[in-house]
Amino acid sequence: MVIPSFDMSIIRVYTGADGISHMEEIFDSIAATDSKKVTDLRFLRSESGVEQRLNAPYMHYDITLSGQMDLSVADGTSLRVGPGGVCQVEDQVDHSFTVVGPEPRIFIIARLQQ
């Protein structure tokens, strides 16, 4: 039996050895049978123009369903994330996002079991 798999690009937001937040693109080959333990799942909405600076007190996935955001980290890196974008957020310091475009951003926060 062949188990289907696919490659998925995930943006990892993390705290580096220098104590500030960074981001990197990681590629994960995910089999159809792979699973992650989720302890909390929230569907959220942020209106266009909303800006937030925050940290991640726990590891989670941030999955954009619709709309777009500009994600920025302390090292100065920024990236636009749109529908289907997945961020693995694990920084303990800070990062920020701004909802861009005319529509609100609808997204899921999935807290991962540690």
PDB file of N, CA and C in Angstrom:
ATOM      1  N   MET A   1       0.845  -1.175   0.000  1.00  0.00           N
ATOM      2  CA  MET A   1       0.000   0.000   0.000  1.00  0.00           C
ATOM      3  C   MET A   1       0.894   1.243   0.000  1.00  0.00           C
ATOM      4  N   VAL A   2       0.565   2.192  -0.829  1.00  0.00           N
ATOM      5  CA  VAL A   2       1.298   3.454  -0.888  1.00  0.00           C
ATOM      6  C   VAL A   2       0.509   4.492  -0.107  1.00  0.00           C
ATOM      7  N   ILE A   3       1.174   5.123   0.850  1.00  0.00           N
ATOM      8  CA  ILE A   3       0.538   6.189   1.623  1.00  0.00           C
ATOM      9  C   ILE A   3       0.870   7.509   0.945  1.00  0.00           C
ATOM     10  N   PRO A   4      -0.143   8.241   0.474  1.00  0.00           N
ATOM     11  CA  PRO A   4       0.149   9.506  -0.207  1.00  0.00           C
ATOM     12  C   PRO A   4       0.774  10.522   0.744  1.00  0.00           C
ATOM     13  N   SER A   5       1.654  11.319   0.191  1.00  0.00           N
ATOM     14  CA  SER A   5       2.257  12.397   0.973  1.00  0.00           C
ATOM     15  C   SER A   5       2.383  13.616   0.077  1.00  0.00           C
ATOM     16  N   PHE A   6       2.636  14.746   0.684  1.00  0.00           N
ATOM     17  CA  PHE A   6       2.828  15.973  -0.079  1.00  0.00           C
ATOM     18  C   PHE A   6       3.816  16.850   0.667  1.00  0.00           C
ATOM     19  N   ASP A   7       4.489  17.706  -0.080  1.00  0.00           N
ATOM     20  CA  ASP A   7       5.413  18.654   0.538  1.00  0.00           C
ATOM     21  C   ASP A   7       4.646  19.918   0.864  1.00  0.00           C
ATOM     22  N   MET A   8       4.892  20.433   2.048  1.00  0.00           N
ATOM     23  CA  MET A   8       4.180  21.618   2.500  1.00  0.00           C
ATOM     24  C   MET A   8       5.185  22.646   2.982  1.00  0.00           C
ATOM     25  N   SER A   9       5.006  23.873   2.554  1.00  0.00           N
ATOM     26  CA  SER A   9       5.851  24.969   3.009  1.00  0.00           C
ATOM     27  C   SER A   9       5.218  25.584   4.253  1.00  0.00           C
ATOM     28  N   ILE A  10       6.004  25.693   5.300  1.00  0.00           N
ATOM     29  CA  ILE A  10       5.544  26.277   6.557  1.00  0.00           C
ATOM     30  C   ILE A  10       6.510  27.390   6.934  1.00  0.00           C
ATOM     31  N   ILE A  11       5.991  28.518   7.377  1.00  0.00           N
ATOM     32  CA  ILE A  11       6.836  29.603   7.872  1.00  0.00           C
ATOM     33  C   ILE A  11       7.011  29.400   9.374  1.00  0.00           C
ATOM     34  N   ARG A  12       8.236  29.194   9.793  1.00  0.00           N
ATOM     35  CA  ARG A  12       8.537  29.000  11.217  1.00  0.00           C
ATOM     36  C   ARG A  12       8.969  30.334  11.812  1.00  0.00           C
ATOM     37  N   VAL A  13       8.297  30.769  12.876  1.00  0.00           N
ATOM     38  CA  VAL A  13       8.643  31.988  13.609  1.00  0.00           C
ATOM     39  C   VAL A  13       9.190  31.532  14.954  1.00  0.00           C
ATOM     40  N   TYR A  14      10.441  31.912  15.240  1.00  0.00           N
ATOM     41  CA  TYR A  14      11.117  31.379  16.425  1.00  0.00           C
ATOM     42  C   TYR A  14      12.042  32.416  17.041  1.00  0.00           C
ATOM     43  N   THR A  15      12.474  32.155  18.269  1.00  0.00           N
ATOM     44  CA  THR A  15      13.459  32.995  18.942  1.00  0.00           C
ATOM     45  C   THR A  15      14.836  32.399  18.699  1.00  0.00           C
ATOM     46  N   GLY A  16      15.751  33.214  18.172  1.00  0.00           N
ATOM     47  CA  GLY A  16      17.103  32.746  17.897  1.00  0.00           C
ATOM     48  C   GLY A  16      17.992  32.818  19.127  1.00  0.00           C
ATOM     49  N   ALA A  17      19.219  32.337  18.967  1.00  0.00           N
ATOM     50  CA  ALA A  17      20.203  32.366  20.055  1.00  0.00           C
ATOM     51  C   ALA A  17      20.509  33.796  20.486  1.00  0.00           C
ATOM     52  N   ASP A  18      20.256  34.770  19.589  1.00  0.00           N
ATOM     53  CA  ASP A  18      20.499  36.181  19.896  1.00  0.00           C
ATOM     54  C   ASP A  18      19.362  36.802  20.713  1.00  0.00           C
ATOM     55  N   GLY A  19      18.307  36.016  20.996  1.00  0.00           N
ATOM     56  CA  GLY A  19      17.212  36.499  21.832  1.00  0.00           C
ATOM     57  C   GLY A  19      16.134  37.281  21.100  1.00  0.00           C
ATOM     58  N   ILE A  20      16.203  37.366  19.766  1.00  0.00           N
ATOM     59  CA  ILE A  20      15.159  38.065  19.010  1.00  0.00           C
ATOM     60  C   ILE A  20      14.457  37.091  18.067  1.00  0.00           C
ATOM     61  N   SER A  21      13.303  37.520  17.581  1.00  0.00           N
ATOM     62  CA  SER A  21      12.522  36.638  16.715  1.00  0.00           C
ATOM     63  C   SER A  21      13.041  36.671  15.279  1.00  0.00           C
ATOM     64  N   HIS A  22      12.939  35.508  14.642  1.00  0.00           N
ATOM     65  CA  HIS A  22      13.347  35.302  13.251  1.00  0.00           C
ATOM     66  C   HIS A  22      12.266  34.473  12.575  1.00  0.00           C
ATOM     67  N   MET A  23      12.334  34.393  11.238  1.00  0.00           N
ATOM     68  CA  MET A  23      11.460  33.468  10.529  1.00  0.00           C
ATOM     69  C   MET A  23      12.254  32.764   9.446  1.00  0.00           C
ATOM     70  N   GLU A  24      11.818  31.545   9.139  1.00  0.00           N
ATOM     71  CA  GLU A  24      12.437  30.769   8.077  1.00  0.00           C
ATOM     72  C   GLU A  24      11.364  29.912   7.429  1.00  0.00           C
ATOM     73  N   GLU A  25      11.581  29.604   6.160  1.00  0.00           N
ATOM     74  CA  GLU A  25      10.656  28.716   5.473  1.00  0.00           C
ATOM     75  C   GLU A  25      11.174  27.298   5.636  1.00  0.00           C
ATOM     76  N   ILE A  26      10.318  26.424   6.111  1.00  0.00           N
ATOM     77  CA  ILE A  26      10.700  25.023   6.241  1.00  0.00           C
ATOM     78  C   ILE A  26       9.771  24.202   5.355  1.00  0.00           C
ATOM     79  N   PHE A  27      10.292  23.130   4.840  1.00  0.00           N
ATOM     80  CA  PHE A  27       9.496  22.238   4.003  1.00  0.00           C
ATOM     81  C   PHE A  27       9.332  20.940   4.754  1.00  0.00           C
ATOM     82  N   ASP A  28       8.128  20.494   4.825  1.00  0.00           N
ATOM     83  CA  ASP A  28       7.828  19.293   5.577  1.00  0.00           C
ATOM     84  C   ASP A  28       7.110  18.331   4.645  1.00  0.00           C
ATOM     85  N   SER A  29       7.604  17.124   4.564  1.00  0.00           N
ATOM     86  CA  SER A  29       6.914  16.103   3.795  1.00  0.00           C
ATOM     87  C   SER A  29       5.914  15.445   4.735  1.00  0.00           C
ATOM     88  N   ILE A  30       4.669  15.606   4.427  1.00  0.00           N
ATOM     89  CA  ILE A  30       3.605  15.180   5.329  1.00  0.00           C
ATOM     90  C   ILE A  30       2.859  14.005   4.712  1.00  0.00           C
ATOM     91  N   ALA A  31       2.834  12.897   5.417  1.00  0.00           N
ATOM     92  CA  ALA A  31       2.057  11.745   4.958  1.00  0.00           C
ATOM     93  C   ALA A  31       0.601  11.947   5.347  1.00  0.00           C
ATOM     94  N   ALA A  32      -0.270  11.342   4.585  1.00  0.00           N
ATOM     95  CA  ALA A  32      -1.704  11.489   4.848  1.00  0.00           C
ATOM     96  C   ALA A  32      -2.093  10.962   6.226  1.00  0.00           C
ATOM     97  N   THR A  33      -1.253  10.135   6.825  1.00  0.00           N
ATOM     98  CA  THR A  33      -1.576   9.568   8.140  1.00  0.00           C
ATOM     99  C   THR A  33      -0.942  10.337   9.292  1.00  0.00           C
ATOM    100  N   ASP A  34      -0.121  11.355   8.994  1.00  0.00           N
ATOM    101  CA  ASP A  34       0.532  12.132  10.053  1.00  0.00           C
ATOM    102  C   ASP A  34      -0.504  12.919  10.847  1.00  0.00           C
ATOM    103  N   SER A  35      -0.233  13.090  12.134  1.00  0.00           N
ATOM    104  CA  SER A  35      -1.127  13.907  12.944  1.00  0.00           C
ATOM    105  C   SER A  35      -0.324  14.665  13.989  1.00  0.00           C
ATOM    106  N   LYS A  36      -0.888  15.761  14.435  1.00  0.00           N
ATOM    107  CA  LYS A  36      -0.327  16.567  15.523  1.00  0.00           C
ATOM    108  C   LYS A  36      -1.397  16.666  16.594  1.00  0.00           C
ATOM    109  N   LYS A  37      -0.978  16.646  17.843  1.00  0.00           N
ATOM    110  CA  LYS A  37      -1.929  16.796  18.943  1.00  0.00           C
ATOM    111  C   LYS A  37      -2.240  18.278  19.126  1.00  0.00           C
ATOM    112  N   VAL A  38      -3.506  18.634  19.021  1.00  0.00           N
ATOM    113  CA  VAL A  38      -3.967  20.009  19.184  1.00  0.00           C
ATOM    114  C   VAL A  38      -4.768  20.089  20.483  1.00  0.00           C
ATOM    115  N   THR A  39      -4.419  21.063  21.328  1.00  0.00           N
ATOM    116  CA  THR A  39      -5.123  21.201  22.605  1.00  0.00           C
ATOM    117  C   THR A  39      -6.187  22.298  22.587  1.00  0.00           C
ATOM    118  N   ASP A  40      -6.154  23.166  21.571  1.00  0.00           N
ATOM    119  CA  ASP A  40      -7.127  24.252  21.474  1.00  0.00           C
ATOM    120  C   ASP A  40      -7.181  24.685  20.019  1.00  0.00           C
ATOM    121  N   LEU A  41      -8.357  24.986  19.528  1.00  0.00           N
ATOM    122  CA  LEU A  41      -8.531  25.412  18.145  1.00  0.00           C
ATOM    123  C   LEU A  41      -9.492  26.591  18.139  1.00  0.00           C
ATOM    124  N   ARG A  42      -9.052  27.709  17.551  1.00  0.00           N
ATOM    125  CA  ARG A  42      -9.885  28.920  17.522  1.00  0.00           C
ATOM    126  C   ARG A  42      -9.971  29.463  16.101  1.00  0.00           C
ATOM    127  N   PHE A  43     -11.164  29.861  15.721  1.00  0.00           N
ATOM    128  CA  PHE A  43     -11.387  30.549  14.457  1.00  0.00           C
ATOM    129  C   PHE A  43     -11.491  32.032  14.787  1.00  0.00           C
ATOM    130  N   LEU A  44     -10.678  32.851  14.115  1.00  0.00           N
ATOM    131  CA  LEU A  44     -10.600  34.272  14.446  1.00  0.00           C
ATOM    132  C   LEU A  44     -10.742  35.135  13.198  1.00  0.00           C
ATOM    133  N   ARG A  45     -11.061  36.406  13.434  1.00  0.00           N
ATOM    134  CA  ARG A  45     -11.215  37.382  12.353  1.00  0.00           C
ATOM    135  C   ARG A  45     -10.544  38.675  12.788  1.00  0.00           C
ATOM    136  N   SER A  46      -9.716  39.227  11.913  1.00  0.00           N
ATOM    137  CA  SER A  46      -9.114  40.545  12.128  1.00  0.00           C
ATOM    138  C   SER A  46      -9.472  41.416  10.939  1.00  0.00           C
ATOM    139  N   GLU A  47      -9.949  42.606  11.206  1.00  0.00           N
ATOM    140  CA  GLU A  47     -10.370  43.517  10.144  1.00  0.00           C
ATOM    141  C   GLU A  47      -9.169  44.100   9.399  1.00  0.00           C
ATOM    142  N   SER A  48      -9.404  44.523   8.178  1.00  0.00           N
ATOM    143  CA  SER A  48      -8.373  45.164   7.370  1.00  0.00           C
ATOM    144  C   SER A  48      -7.795  46.363   8.121  1.00  0.00           C
ATOM    145  N   GLY A  49      -6.493  46.503   8.100  1.00  0.00           N
ATOM    146  CA  GLY A  49      -5.824  47.615   8.767  1.00  0.00           C
ATOM    147  C   GLY A  49      -5.399  47.332  10.194  1.00  0.00           C
ATOM    148  N   VAL A  50      -5.891  46.247  10.783  1.00  0.00           N
ATOM    149  CA  VAL A  50      -5.517  45.911  12.162  1.00  0.00           C
ATOM    150  C   VAL A  50      -4.028  45.597  12.228  1.00  0.00           C
ATOM    151  N   GLU A  51      -3.360  46.196  13.211  1.00  0.00           N
ATOM    152  CA  GLU A  51      -1.946  45.919  13.475  1.00  0.00           C
ATOM    153  C   GLU A  51      -1.832  45.379  14.888  1.00  0.00           C
ATOM    154  N   GLN A  52      -1.049  44.318  15.058  1.00  0.00           N
ATOM    155  CA  GLN A  52      -0.841  43.760  16.391  1.00  0.00           C
ATOM    156  C   GLN A  52       0.605  43.348  16.570  1.00  0.00           C
ATOM    157  N   ARG A  53       1.133  43.636  17.752  1.00  0.00           N
ATOM    158  CA  ARG A  53       2.448  43.144  18.156  1.00  0.00           C
ATOM    159  C   ARG A  53       2.189  42.165  19.285  1.00  0.00           C
ATOM    160  N   LEU A  54       2.728  40.963  19.162  1.00  0.00           N
ATOM    161  CA  LEU A  54       2.467  39.948  20.167  1.00  0.00           C
ATOM    162  C   LEU A  54       3.606  38.945  20.249  1.00  0.00           C
ATOM    163  N   ASN A  55       3.527  38.072  21.243  1.00  0.00           N
ATOM    164  CA  ASN A  55       4.461  36.957  21.343  1.00  0.00           C
ATOM    165  C   ASN A  55       3.641  35.678  21.427  1.00  0.00           C
ATOM    166  N   ALA A  56       4.326  34.570  21.352  1.00  0.00           N
ATOM    167  CA  ALA A  56       3.631  33.280  21.401  1.00  0.00           C
ATOM    168  C   ALA A  56       3.982  32.582  22.704  1.00  0.00           C
ATOM    169  N   PRO A  57       3.086  32.607  23.670  1.00  0.00           N
ATOM    170  CA  PRO A  57       3.374  31.943  24.941  1.00  0.00           C
ATOM    171  C   PRO A  57       3.347  30.422  24.820  1.00  0.00           C
ATOM    172  N   TYR A  58       2.865  29.914  23.686  1.00  0.00           N
ATOM    173  CA  TYR A  58       2.825  28.474  23.436  1.00  0.00           C
ATOM    174  C   TYR A  58       2.989  28.244  21.933  1.00  0.00           C
ATOM    175  N   MET A  59       3.456  27.062  21.560  1.00  0.00           N
ATOM    176  CA  MET A  59       3.645  26.725  20.154  1.00  0.00           C
ATOM    177  C   MET A  59       2.286  26.499  19.497  1.00  0.00           C
ATOM    178  N   HIS A  60       2.096  27.098  18.314  1.00  0.00           N
ATOM    179  CA  HIS A  60       0.833  26.923  17.604  1.00  0.00           C
ATOM    180  C   HIS A  60       1.007  27.108  16.105  1.00  0.00           C
ATOM    181  N   TYR A  61       0.022  26.635  15.364  1.00  0.00           N
ATOM    182  CA  TYR A  61      -0.078  26.925  13.943  1.00  0.00           C
ATOM    183  C   TYR A  61      -1.053  28.082  13.774  1.00  0.00           C
ATOM    184  N   ASP A  62      -0.705  29.004  12.890  1.00  0.00           N
ATOM    185  CA  ASP A  62      -1.567  30.106  12.480  1.00  0.00           C
ATOM    186  C   ASP A  62      -1.850  29.850  11.002  1.00  0.00           C
ATOM    187  N   ILE A  63      -3.084  29.535  10.674  1.00  0.00           N
ATOM    188  CA  ILE A  63      -3.450  29.125   9.316  1.00  0.00           C
ATOM    189  C   ILE A  63      -4.418  30.149   8.731  1.00  0.00           C
ATOM    190  N   THR A  64      -4.003  30.812   7.650  1.00  0.00           N
ATOM    191  CA  THR A  64      -4.841  31.828   7.012  1.00  0.00           C
ATOM    192  C   THR A  64      -5.848  31.160   6.083  1.00  0.00           C
ATOM    193  N   LEU A  65      -7.127  31.426   6.319  1.00  0.00           N
ATOM    194  CA  LEU A  65      -8.195  30.899   5.464  1.00  0.00           C
ATOM    195  C   LEU A  65      -8.561  31.889   4.366  1.00  0.00           C
ATOM    196  N   SER A  66      -8.638  33.177   4.707  1.00  0.00           N
ATOM    197  CA  SER A  66      -8.915  34.215   3.717  1.00  0.00           C
ATOM    198  C   SER A  66      -8.299  35.520   4.196  1.00  0.00           C
ATOM    199  N   GLY A  67      -8.125  36.448   3.259  1.00  0.00           N
ATOM    200  CA  GLY A  67      -7.461  37.705   3.583  1.00  0.00           C
ATOM    201  C   GLY A  67      -5.946  37.535   3.570  1.00  0.00           C
ATOM    202  N   GLN A  68      -5.250  38.621   3.922  1.00  0.00           N
ATOM    203  CA  GLN A  68      -3.786  38.616   3.902  1.00  0.00           C
ATOM    204  C   GLN A  68      -3.244  39.389   5.088  1.00  0.00           C
ATOM    205  N   MET A  69      -2.025  39.021   5.476  1.00  0.00           N
ATOM    206  CA  MET A  69      -1.329  39.777   6.516  1.00  0.00           C
ATOM    207  C   MET A  69       0.125  39.940   6.118  1.00  0.00           C
ATOM    208  N   ASP A  70       0.721  41.039   6.584  1.00  0.00           N
ATOM    209  CA  ASP A  70       2.166  41.207   6.519  1.00  0.00           C
ATOM    210  C   ASP A  70       2.693  40.819   7.885  1.00  0.00           C
ATOM    211  N   LEU A  71       3.533  39.796   7.922  1.00  0.00           N
ATOM    212  CA  LEU A  71       4.124  39.283   9.156  1.00  0.00           C
ATOM    213  C   LEU A  71       5.536  39.833   9.266  1.00  0.00           C
ATOM    214  N   SER A  72       5.897  40.408  10.413  1.00  0.00           N
ATOM    215  CA  SER A  72       7.231  40.981  10.635  1.00  0.00           C
ATOM    216  C   SER A  72       7.807  40.446  11.930  1.00  0.00           C
ATOM    217  N   VAL A  73       9.131  40.221  11.922  1.00  0.00           N
ATOM    218  CA  VAL A  73       9.822  39.759  13.125  1.00  0.00           C
ATOM    219  C   VAL A  73      10.928  40.745  13.479  1.00  0.00           C
ATOM    220  N   ALA A  74      11.483  40.589  14.686  1.00  0.00           N
ATOM    221  CA  ALA A  74      12.435  41.561  15.235  1.00  0.00           C
ATOM    222  C   ALA A  74      13.709  41.715  14.414  1.00  0.00           C
ATOM    223  N   ASP A  75      14.099  40.691  13.645  1.00  0.00           N
ATOM    224  CA  ASP A  75      15.328  40.821  12.851  1.00  0.00           C
ATOM    225  C   ASP A  75      15.124  41.665  11.594  1.00  0.00           C
ATOM    226  N   GLY A  76      13.893  42.181  11.394  1.00  0.00           N
ATOM    227  CA  GLY A  76      13.604  43.049  10.258  1.00  0.00           C
ATOM    228  C   GLY A  76      12.987  42.342   9.061  1.00  0.00           C
ATOM    229  N   THR A  77      12.859  41.034   9.113  1.00  0.00           N
ATOM    230  CA  THR A  77      12.279  40.266   8.018  1.00  0.00           C
ATOM    231  C   THR A  77      10.760  40.421   8.012  1.00  0.00           C
ATOM    232  N   SER A  78      10.205  40.594   6.806  1.00  0.00           N
ATOM    233  CA  SER A  78       8.748  40.670   6.638  1.00  0.00           C
ATOM    234  C   SER A  78       8.331  39.749   5.510  1.00  0.00           C
ATOM    235  N   LEU A  79       7.101  39.281   5.589  1.00  0.00           N
ATOM    236  CA  LEU A  79       6.588  38.358   4.582  1.00  0.00           C
ATOM    237  C   LEU A  79       5.078  38.513   4.499  1.00  0.00           C
ATOM    238  N   ARG A  80       4.541  38.511   3.290  1.00  0.00           N
ATOM    239  CA  ARG A  80       3.088  38.545   3.117  1.00  0.00           C
ATOM    240  C   ARG A  80       2.564  37.112   3.128  1.00  0.00           C
ATOM    241  N   VAL A  81       1.532  36.879   3.924  1.00  0.00           N
ATOM    242  CA  VAL A  81       0.925  35.552   4.054  1.00  0.00           C
ATOM    243  C   VAL A  81      -0.531  35.656   3.626  1.00  0.00           C
ATOM    244  N   GLY A  82      -0.928  34.799   2.684  1.00  0.00           N
ATOM    245  CA  GLY A  82      -2.296  34.810   2.185  1.00  0.00           C
ATOM    246  C   GLY A  82      -3.010  33.499   2.441  1.00  0.00           C
ATOM    247  N   PRO A  83      -4.155  33.307   1.793  1.00  0.00           N
ATOM    248  CA  PRO A  83      -4.946  32.099   2.003  1.00  0.00           C
ATOM    249  C   PRO A  83      -4.125  30.829   1.791  1.00  0.00           C
ATOM    250  N   GLY A  84      -4.258  29.908   2.735  1.00  0.00           N
ATOM    251  CA  GLY A  84      -3.498  28.662   2.689  1.00  0.00           C
ATOM    252  C   GLY A  84      -2.153  28.753   3.376  1.00  0.00           C
ATOM    253  N   GLY A  85      -1.739  29.954   3.773  1.00  0.00           N
ATOM    254  CA  GLY A  85      -0.449  30.134   4.446  1.00  0.00           C
ATOM    255  C   GLY A  85      -0.471  29.545   5.847  1.00  0.00           C
ATOM    256  N   VAL A  86       0.581  28.813   6.180  1.00  0.00           N
ATOM    257  CA  VAL A  86       0.689  28.186   7.501  1.00  0.00           C
ATOM    258  C   VAL A  86       1.952  28.689   8.180  1.00  0.00           C
ATOM    259  N   CYS A  87       1.798  29.211   9.389  1.00  0.00           N
ATOM    260  CA  CYS A  87       2.939  29.649  10.194  1.00  0.00           C
ATOM    261  C   CYS A  87       3.007  28.781  11.443  1.00  0.00           C
ATOM    262  N   GLN A  88       4.195  28.266  11.722  1.00  0.00           N
ATOM    263  CA  GLN A  88       4.443  27.536  12.972  1.00  0.00           C
ATOM    264  C   GLN A  88       5.083  28.544  13.910  1.00  0.00           C
ATOM    265  N   VAL A  89       4.329  29.017  14.885  1.00  0.00           N
ATOM    266  CA  VAL A  89       4.770  30.120  15.736  1.00  0.00           C
ATOM    267  C   VAL A  89       5.237  29.571  17.074  1.00  0.00           C
ATOM    268  N   GLU A  90       6.478  29.900  17.419  1.00  0.00           N
ATOM    269  CA  GLU A  90       7.058  29.397  18.666  1.00  0.00           C
ATOM    270  C   GLU A  90       7.981  30.418  19.317  1.00  0.00           C
ATOM    271  N   ASP A  91       7.922  31.682  18.874  1.00  0.00           N
ATOM    272  CA  ASP A  91       8.797  32.696  19.468  1.00  0.00           C
ATOM    273  C   ASP A  91       8.254  33.128  20.826  1.00  0.00           C
ATOM    274  N   GLN A  92       9.141  33.381  21.737  1.00  0.00           N
ATOM    275  CA  GLN A  92       8.758  33.822  23.082  1.00  0.00           C
ATOM    276  C   GLN A  92       8.965  35.326  23.251  1.00  0.00           C
ATOM    277  N   VAL A  93       9.482  35.976  22.229  1.00  0.00           N
ATOM    278  CA  VAL A  93       9.705  37.422  22.310  1.00  0.00           C
ATOM    279  C   VAL A  93       8.577  38.129  21.579  1.00  0.00           C
ATOM    280  N   ASP A  94       8.829  38.694  20.405  1.00  0.00           N
ATOM    281  CA  ASP A  94       7.712  39.350  19.738  1.00  0.00           C
ATOM    282  C   ASP A  94       7.813  39.296  18.230  1.00  0.00           C
ATOM    283  N   HIS A  95       6.645  39.367  17.624  1.00  0.00           N
ATOM    284  CA  HIS A  95       6.486  39.512  16.189  1.00  0.00           C
ATOM    285  C   HIS A  95       5.232  40.376  16.005  1.00  0.00           C
ATOM    286  N   SER A  96       5.002  40.824  14.786  1.00  0.00           N
ATOM    287  CA  SER A  96       3.814  41.645  14.555  1.00  0.00           C
ATOM    288  C   SER A  96       3.185  41.273  13.223  1.00  0.00           C
ATOM    289  N   PHE A  97       1.922  41.613  13.093  1.00  0.00           N
ATOM    290  CA  PHE A  97       1.262  41.439  11.809  1.00  0.00           C
ATOM    291  C   PHE A  97       0.327  42.609  11.559  1.00  0.00           C
ATOM    292  N   THR A  98       0.131  42.890  10.276  1.00  0.00           N
ATOM    293  CA  THR A  98      -0.814  43.902   9.828  1.00  0.00           C
ATOM    294  C   THR A  98      -1.706  43.259   8.780  1.00  0.00           C
ATOM    295  N   VAL A  99      -3.010  43.366   8.950  1.00  0.00           N
ATOM    296  CA  VAL A  99      -3.942  42.844   7.954  1.00  0.00           C
ATOM    297  C   VAL A  99      -3.965  43.834   6.795  1.00  0.00           C
ATOM    298  N   VAL A 100      -3.673  43.341   5.588  1.00  0.00           N
ATOM    299  CA  VAL A 100      -3.588  44.202   4.403  1.00  0.00           C
ATOM    300  C   VAL A 100      -4.668  43.803   3.399  1.00  0.00           C
ATOM    301  N   GLY A 101      -4.995  44.731   2.519  1.00  0.00           N
ATOM    302  CA  GLY A 101      -6.019  44.474   1.520  1.00  0.00           C
ATOM    303  C   GLY A 101      -7.388  44.881   2.029  1.00  0.00           C
ATOM    304  N   PRO A 102      -8.390  44.787   1.168  1.00  0.00           N
ATOM    305  CA  PRO A 102      -9.724  45.275   1.510  1.00  0.00           C
ATOM    306  C   PRO A 102     -10.545  44.344   2.400  1.00  0.00           C
ATOM    307  N   GLU A 103     -10.180  43.080   2.473  1.00  0.00           N
ATOM    308  CA  GLU A 103     -11.016  42.147   3.232  1.00  0.00           C
ATOM    309  C   GLU A 103     -10.391  41.767   4.567  1.00  0.00           C
ATOM    310  N   PRO A 104     -11.213  41.347   5.516  1.00  0.00           N
ATOM    311  CA  PRO A 104     -10.670  40.902   6.802  1.00  0.00           C
ATOM    312  C   PRO A 104      -9.878  39.609   6.621  1.00  0.00           C
ATOM    313  N   ARG A 105      -9.056  39.315   7.589  1.00  0.00           N
ATOM    314  CA  ARG A 105      -8.305  38.053   7.597  1.00  0.00           C
ATOM    315  C   ARG A 105      -9.047  37.083   8.511  1.00  0.00           C
ATOM    316  N   ILE A 106      -9.416  35.938   7.958  1.00  0.00           N
ATOM    317  CA  ILE A 106     -10.041  34.861   8.722  1.00  0.00           C
ATOM    318  C   ILE A 106      -8.960  33.802   8.899  1.00  0.00           C
ATOM    319  N   PHE A 107      -8.746  33.374  10.139  1.00  0.00           N
ATOM    320  CA  PHE A 107      -7.649  32.437  10.379  1.00  0.00           C
ATOM    321  C   PHE A 107      -7.947  31.513  11.548  1.00  0.00           C
ATOM    322  N   ILE A 108      -7.151  30.466  11.624  1.00  0.00           N
ATOM    323  CA  ILE A 108      -7.258  29.472  12.692  1.00  0.00           C
ATOM    324  C   ILE A 108      -5.982  29.519  13.515  1.00  0.00           C
ATOM    325  N   ILE A 109      -6.122  29.495  14.826  1.00  0.00           N
ATOM    326  CA  ILE A 109      -4.990  29.282  15.731  1.00  0.00           C
ATOM    327  C   ILE A 109      -5.181  27.884  16.320  1.00  0.00           C
ATOM    328  N   ALA A 110      -4.215  27.007  16.061  1.00  0.00           N
ATOM    329  CA  ALA A 110      -4.265  25.632  16.565  1.00  0.00           C
ATOM    330  C   ALA A 110      -3.109  25.440  17.538  1.00  0.00           C
ATOM    331  N   ARG A 111      -3.430  25.431  18.821  1.00  0.00           N
ATOM    332  CA  ARG A 111      -2.409  25.257  19.860  1.00  0.00           C
ATOM    333  C   ARG A 111      -1.941  23.804  19.868  1.00  0.00           C
ATOM    334  N   LEU A 112      -0.624  23.614  19.804  1.00  0.00           N
ATOM    335  CA  LEU A 112      -0.058  22.274  19.745  1.00  0.00           C
ATOM    336  C   LEU A 112       0.322  21.767  21.125  1.00  0.00           C
ATOM    337  N   GLN A 113       0.079  20.489  21.343  1.00  0.00           N
ATOM    338  CA  GLN A 113       0.490  19.872  22.602  1.00  0.00           C
ATOM    339  C   GLN A 113       2.008  19.812  22.637  1.00  0.00           C
ATOM    340  N   GLN A 114       2.588  20.157  23.793  1.00  0.00           N
ATOM    341  CA  GLN A 114       4.050  20.198  23.894  1.00  0.00           C
ATOM    342  C   GLN A 114       4.594  18.949  24.521  1.00  0.00           C
TER     343      GLN A 114
END
